[in-house]
């Protein structure tokens, strides 16, 4: 599966309508974003059961502000409609793979009882 463009119009629907969603907040002028982009894209092709979305923060400033994005790239992971991870910085492929596995294993029953 290729990546999906996420905007203010489809953000909530994407998060709530899919079991696991990874979102890359990025910008065209961002060097680390350019390095992370191909890693994110490759992961999307290897994990076809997960929705991979990209948010261009310059075109979606309201969404970036609402999500509390202060640096790019920032990776956000949502599972069953809840944000379970958010971190700024480009990741290596192996680190992204580890995060994907942790997200798959995350027990949402425990997470929502807190």
C-alpha atoms as a PDB file:
ATOM      1  CA  UNK A   1       0.000   0.000   0.000  1.00  0.00           C
ATOM      2  CA  UNK A   2       1.290   3.448  -0.788  1.00  0.00           C
ATOM      3  CA  UNK A   3       1.035   6.406   1.528  1.00  0.00           C
ATOM      4  CA  UNK A   4      -2.123   8.482   1.840  1.00  0.00           C
ATOM      5  CA  UNK A   5      -2.213  12.275   1.893  1.00  0.00           C
ATOM      6  CA  UNK A   6      -3.707  13.384   5.200  1.00  0.00           C
ATOM      7  CA  UNK A   7      -5.404  16.768   5.512  1.00  0.00           C
ATOM      8  CA  UNK A   8      -7.627  18.474   8.057  1.00  0.00           C
ATOM      9  CA  UNK A   9     -10.591  17.108   6.113  1.00  0.00           C
ATOM     10  CA  UNK A  10      -9.693  13.429   6.479  1.00  0.00           C
ATOM     11  CA  UNK A  11      -7.486  13.263   9.600  1.00  0.00           C
ATOM     12  CA  UNK A  12     -10.162  12.264  12.136  1.00  0.00           C
ATOM     13  CA  UNK A  13     -11.843   9.863   9.717  1.00  0.00           C
ATOM     14  CA  UNK A  14      -8.493   8.202   8.968  1.00  0.00           C
ATOM     15  CA  UNK A  15      -7.543   7.859  12.645  1.00  0.00           C
ATOM     16  CA  UNK A  16     -10.925   6.561  13.785  1.00  0.00           C
ATOM     17  CA  UNK A  17     -11.720   4.434  10.732  1.00  0.00           C
ATOM     18  CA  UNK A  18      -8.596   2.271  10.746  1.00  0.00           C
ATOM     19  CA  UNK A  19      -7.080  -0.043  13.338  1.00  0.00           C
ATOM     20  CA  UNK A  20      -3.471   1.162  12.984  1.00  0.00           C
ATOM     21  CA  UNK A  21      -2.325   4.419  11.378  1.00  0.00           C
ATOM     22  CA  UNK A  22       1.188   5.867  11.060  1.00  0.00           C
ATOM     23  CA  UNK A  23       1.402   9.534  10.127  1.00  0.00           C
ATOM     24  CA  UNK A  24       4.521  11.345   8.958  1.00  0.00           C
ATOM     25  CA  UNK A  25       4.340  15.108   9.531  1.00  0.00           C
ATOM     26  CA  UNK A  26       6.848  16.585   7.081  1.00  0.00           C
ATOM     27  CA  UNK A  27       7.816  19.651   5.003  1.00  0.00           C
ATOM     28  CA  UNK A  28       9.341  20.028   1.544  1.00  0.00           C
ATOM     29  CA  UNK A  29      12.180  22.216   2.884  1.00  0.00           C
ATOM     30  CA  UNK A  30      13.156  19.730   5.625  1.00  0.00           C
ATOM     31  CA  UNK A  31      16.362  17.764   4.992  1.00  0.00           C
ATOM     32  CA  UNK A  32      15.696  15.043   7.589  1.00  0.00           C
ATOM     33  CA  UNK A  33      12.175  14.670   6.130  1.00  0.00           C
ATOM     34  CA  UNK A  34      13.704  13.950   2.719  1.00  0.00           C
ATOM     35  CA  UNK A  35      15.886  11.272   4.307  1.00  0.00           C
ATOM     36  CA  UNK A  36      13.004   9.688   6.250  1.00  0.00           C
ATOM     37  CA  UNK A  37      10.473   9.811   3.387  1.00  0.00           C
ATOM     38  CA  UNK A  38      11.815   6.797   1.446  1.00  0.00           C
ATOM     39  CA  UNK A  39      12.088   4.767   4.686  1.00  0.00           C
ATOM     40  CA  UNK A  40       8.451   5.571   5.514  1.00  0.00           C
ATOM     41  CA  UNK A  41       7.350   4.772   1.953  1.00  0.00           C
ATOM     42  CA  UNK A  42       9.160   1.410   1.970  1.00  0.00           C
ATOM     43  CA  UNK A  43       7.570   0.491   5.308  1.00  0.00           C
ATOM     44  CA  UNK A  44       4.151   1.290   3.823  1.00  0.00           C
ATOM     45  CA  UNK A  45       4.811  -1.194   1.014  1.00  0.00           C
ATOM     46  CA  UNK A  46       5.919  -3.887   3.484  1.00  0.00           C
ATOM     47  CA  UNK A  47       2.976  -3.416   5.885  1.00  0.00           C
ATOM     48  CA  UNK A  48      -0.084  -3.353   3.666  1.00  0.00           C
ATOM     49  CA  UNK A  49      -2.458  -3.892   6.596  1.00  0.00           C
ATOM     50  CA  UNK A  50      -1.507  -0.517   8.121  1.00  0.00           C
ATOM     51  CA  UNK A  51      -2.523   2.932   6.882  1.00  0.00           C
ATOM     52  CA  UNK A  52       0.501   5.170   6.283  1.00  0.00           C
ATOM     53  CA  UNK A  53      -0.344   8.849   5.930  1.00  0.00           C
ATOM     54  CA  UNK A  54       1.683  11.966   5.249  1.00  0.00           C
ATOM     55  CA  UNK A  55       0.843  15.499   6.391  1.00  0.00           C
ATOM     56  CA  UNK A  56       2.591  18.401   4.643  1.00  0.00           C
ATOM     57  CA  UNK A  57       2.731  20.883   7.527  1.00  0.00           C
ATOM     58  CA  UNK A  58       2.985  23.889   5.203  1.00  0.00           C
ATOM     59  CA  UNK A  59      -0.264  22.972   3.449  1.00  0.00           C
ATOM     60  CA  UNK A  60      -1.984  21.888   6.692  1.00  0.00           C
ATOM     61  CA  UNK A  61      -0.775  24.365   9.304  1.00  0.00           C
ATOM     62  CA  UNK A  62      -4.018  24.104  11.288  1.00  0.00           C
ATOM     63  CA  UNK A  63      -3.680  20.328  11.533  1.00  0.00           C
ATOM     64  CA  UNK A  64      -0.001  20.546  12.495  1.00  0.00           C
ATOM     65  CA  UNK A  65      -0.871  23.068  15.214  1.00  0.00           C
ATOM     66  CA  UNK A  66      -3.762  20.955  16.515  1.00  0.00           C
ATOM     67  CA  UNK A  67      -1.455  17.917  16.660  1.00  0.00           C
ATOM     68  CA  UNK A  68       1.168  19.916  18.573  1.00  0.00           C
ATOM     69  CA  UNK A  69       3.842  19.462  15.924  1.00  0.00           C
ATOM     70  CA  UNK A  70       6.896  21.540  16.846  1.00  0.00           C
ATOM     71  CA  UNK A  71       9.557  19.879  14.664  1.00  0.00           C
ATOM     72  CA  UNK A  72       9.633  17.808  11.508  1.00  0.00           C
ATOM     73  CA  UNK A  73       9.694  15.058  10.723  1.00  0.00           C
ATOM     74  CA  UNK A  74       7.358  13.888  13.468  1.00  0.00           C
ATOM     75  CA  UNK A  75       5.946  10.381  13.463  1.00  0.00           C
ATOM     76  CA  UNK A  76       2.550   9.822  15.069  1.00  0.00           C
ATOM     77  CA  UNK A  77       0.961   6.412  15.571  1.00  0.00           C
ATOM     78  CA  UNK A  78      -2.729   5.884  16.279  1.00  0.00           C
ATOM     79  CA  UNK A  79      -4.289   2.573  17.230  1.00  0.00           C
ATOM     80  CA  UNK A  80      -8.030   2.045  17.450  1.00  0.00           C
ATOM     81  CA  UNK A  81      -8.618   5.800  17.263  1.00  0.00           C
ATOM     82  CA  UNK A  82      -6.142   6.785  19.992  1.00  0.00           C
ATOM     83  CA  UNK A  83      -2.702   8.357  19.637  1.00  0.00           C
ATOM     84  CA  UNK A  84      -0.240   5.915  21.194  1.00  0.00           C
ATOM     85  CA  UNK A  85       3.062   7.429  20.000  1.00  0.00           C
ATOM     86  CA  UNK A  86       4.411  10.782  18.831  1.00  0.00           C
ATOM     87  CA  UNK A  87       8.080  11.625  18.357  1.00  0.00           C
ATOM     88  CA  UNK A  88      10.057  14.133  16.338  1.00  0.00           C
ATOM     89  CA  UNK A  89      13.123  13.101  14.372  1.00  0.00           C
ATOM     90  CA  UNK A  90      13.984  10.916  11.422  1.00  0.00           C
ATOM     91  CA  UNK A  91      14.151   7.203  12.149  1.00  0.00           C
ATOM     92  CA  UNK A  92      16.291   4.459  10.681  1.00  0.00           C
ATOM     93  CA  UNK A  93      14.411   1.659   8.934  1.00  0.00           C
ATOM     94  CA  UNK A  94      15.172  -0.793  11.760  1.00  0.00           C
ATOM     95  CA  UNK A  95      13.826   1.647  14.372  1.00  0.00           C
ATOM     96  CA  UNK A  96      10.639   2.200  12.366  1.00  0.00           C
ATOM     97  CA  UNK A  97      10.207  -1.571  12.020  1.00  0.00           C
ATOM     98  CA  UNK A  98      10.569  -1.926  15.803  1.00  0.00           C
ATOM     99  CA  UNK A  99       7.960   0.786  16.407  1.00  0.00           C
ATOM    100  CA  UNK A 100       5.542  -0.853  13.999  1.00  0.00           C
ATOM    101  CA  UNK A 101       5.904  -4.163  15.847  1.00  0.00           C
ATOM    102  CA  UNK A 102       5.400  -2.468  19.221  1.00  0.00           C
ATOM    103  CA  UNK A 103       2.283  -0.725  17.888  1.00  0.00           C
ATOM    104  CA  UNK A 104       0.911  -4.027  16.584  1.00  0.00           C
ATOM    105  CA  UNK A 105       1.447  -5.581  20.032  1.00  0.00           C
ATOM    106  CA  UNK A 106       0.090  -2.638  22.046  1.00  0.00           C
ATOM    107  CA  UNK A 107      -2.739  -3.758  24.313  1.00  0.00           C
ATOM    108  CA  UNK A 108      -5.396  -1.063  23.957  1.00  0.00           C
ATOM    109  CA  UNK A 109      -7.553  -2.525  26.742  1.00  0.00           C
ATOM    110  CA  UNK A 110      -4.752  -1.786  29.211  1.00  0.00           C
ATOM    111  CA  UNK A 111      -3.931   1.572  27.628  1.00  0.00           C
ATOM    112  CA  UNK A 112      -7.508   2.851  27.868  1.00  0.00           C
ATOM    113  CA  UNK A 113      -8.012   1.829  31.507  1.00  0.00           C
ATOM    114  CA  UNK A 114      -5.530   4.392  32.857  1.00  0.00           C
END
